[in-house]
C-alpha atoms as a PDB file:
ATOM      1  CA  UNK A   1     154.918 182.260  93.190  1.00  0.00           C
ATOM      2  CA  UNK A   2     158.109 181.285  94.425  1.00  0.00           C
ATOM      3  CA  UNK A   3     159.392 178.333  94.964  1.00  0.00           C
ATOM      4  CA  UNK A   4     161.038 178.796  98.258  1.00  0.00           C
ATOM      5  CA  UNK A   5     158.041 180.291  99.721  1.00  0.00           C
ATOM      6  CA  UNK A   6     155.593 176.889  98.576  1.00  0.00           C
ATOM      7  CA  UNK A   7     158.745 174.746 100.546  1.00  0.00           C
ATOM      8  CA  UNK A   8     158.118 177.092 103.521  1.00  0.00           C
ATOM      9  CA  UNK A   9     154.520 176.779 103.535  1.00  0.00           C
ATOM     10  CA  UNK A  10     154.813 172.887 102.976  1.00  0.00           C
ATOM     11  CA  UNK A  11     157.593 172.760 105.869  1.00  0.00           C
ATOM     12  CA  UNK A  12     154.896 174.742 108.445  1.00  0.00           C
ATOM     13  CA  UNK A  13     152.603 172.579 107.590  1.00  0.00           C
ATOM     14  CA  UNK A  14     154.062 169.546 107.811  1.00  0.00           C
ATOM     15  CA  UNK A  15     155.812 171.040 111.536  1.00  0.00           C
ATOM     16  CA  UNK A  16     152.111 171.729 112.648  1.00  0.00           C
ATOM     17  CA  UNK A  17     150.815 168.347 111.833  1.00  0.00           C
ATOM     18  CA  UNK A  18     153.470 167.008 113.765  1.00  0.00           C
ATOM     19  CA  UNK A  19     153.129 168.940 116.795  1.00  0.00           C
ATOM     20  CA  UNK A  20     149.428 168.462 116.630  1.00  0.00           C
ATOM     21  CA  UNK A  21     149.880 164.780 116.766  1.00  0.00           C
ATOM     22  CA  UNK A  22     152.224 164.961 119.719  1.00  0.00           C
ATOM     23  CA  UNK A  23     149.790 167.345 121.540  1.00  0.00           C
ATOM     24  CA  UNK A  24     147.254 164.808 121.094  1.00  0.00           C
ATOM     25  CA  UNK A  25     149.114 161.593 121.720  1.00  0.00           C
ATOM     26  CA  UNK A  26     150.618 163.438 124.905  1.00  0.00           C
ATOM     27  CA  UNK A  27     147.194 164.596 126.264  1.00  0.00           C
ATOM     28  CA  UNK A  28     148.872 168.714 125.770  1.00  0.00           C
ATOM     29  CA  UNK A  29     145.810 170.220 124.205  1.00  0.00           C
ATOM     30  CA  UNK A  30     147.900 173.190 124.109  1.00  0.00           C
ATOM     31  CA  UNK A  31     150.625 171.958 122.124  1.00  0.00           C
ATOM     32  CA  UNK A  32     147.544 170.155 119.926  1.00  0.00           C
ATOM     33  CA  UNK A  33     146.108 173.523 119.452  1.00  0.00           C
ATOM     34  CA  UNK A  34     149.041 175.278 118.750  1.00  0.00           C
ATOM     35  CA  UNK A  35     149.964 172.788 116.401  1.00  0.00           C
ATOM     36  CA  UNK A  36     146.662 173.052 114.302  1.00  0.00           C
ATOM     37  CA  UNK A  37     147.083 176.773 113.948  1.00  0.00           C
ATOM     38  CA  UNK A  38     150.972 176.482 112.521  1.00  0.00           C
ATOM     39  CA  UNK A  39     149.099 174.025 110.045  1.00  0.00           C
ATOM     40  CA  UNK A  40     146.340 176.027 109.083  1.00  0.00           C
ATOM     41  CA  UNK A  41     148.565 179.394 108.905  1.00  0.00           C
ATOM     42  CA  UNK A  42     150.981 177.390 106.417  1.00  0.00           C
ATOM     43  CA  UNK A  43     147.730 176.253 104.325  1.00  0.00           C
ATOM     44  CA  UNK A  44     146.584 179.526 104.121  1.00  0.00           C
ATOM     45  CA  UNK A  45     149.629 181.232 102.758  1.00  0.00           C
ATOM     46  CA  UNK A  46     149.880 177.786 100.625  1.00  0.00           C
ATOM     47  CA  UNK A  47     146.185 179.039  99.233  1.00  0.00           C
ATOM     48  CA  UNK A  48     147.488 182.724  98.370  1.00  0.00           C
ATOM     49  CA  UNK A  49     150.568 181.352  96.676  1.00  0.00           C
ATOM     50  CA  UNK A  50     148.565 179.595  94.792  1.00  0.00           C
ATOM     51  CA  UNK A  51     146.473 182.155  93.866  1.00  0.00           C
ATOM     52  CA  UNK A  52     149.258 184.398  92.947  1.00  0.00           C
ATOM     53  CA  UNK A  53     150.221 181.549  90.131  1.00  0.00           C
ATOM     54  CA  UNK A  54     146.655 181.269  89.162  1.00  0.00           C
ATOM     55  CA  UNK A  55     146.576 185.219  88.746  1.00  0.00           C
ATOM     56  CA  UNK A  56     149.954 185.358  86.610  1.00  0.00           C
ATOM     57  CA  UNK A  57     148.948 182.334  84.522  1.00  0.00           C
ATOM     58  CA  UNK A  58     145.752 184.086  83.735  1.00  0.00           C
ATOM     59  CA  UNK A  59     147.560 187.429  83.092  1.00  0.00           C
ATOM     60  CA  UNK A  60     149.886 185.552  80.739  1.00  0.00           C
ATOM     61  CA  UNK A  61     147.313 183.867  78.539  1.00  0.00           C
ATOM     62  CA  UNK A  62     145.400 187.199  78.152  1.00  0.00           C
ATOM     63  CA  UNK A  63     148.726 188.792  76.813  1.00  0.00           C
ATOM     64  CA  UNK A  64     149.490 186.181  73.679  1.00  0.00           C
END
């Protein structure tokens, strides 16, 4: 719903992507897995924000 939350989620996904790439490049499976988890967590939160926005838009469409 909030722009701040959406940006935070995007940054979390980007950090996770960077960690996963670094882990892959250095051969560190722990870092790669941690990065993938962080990316997925950000994506899940981003999806929940999009669902909240869709519900808000649907609700306002029925009010009119």
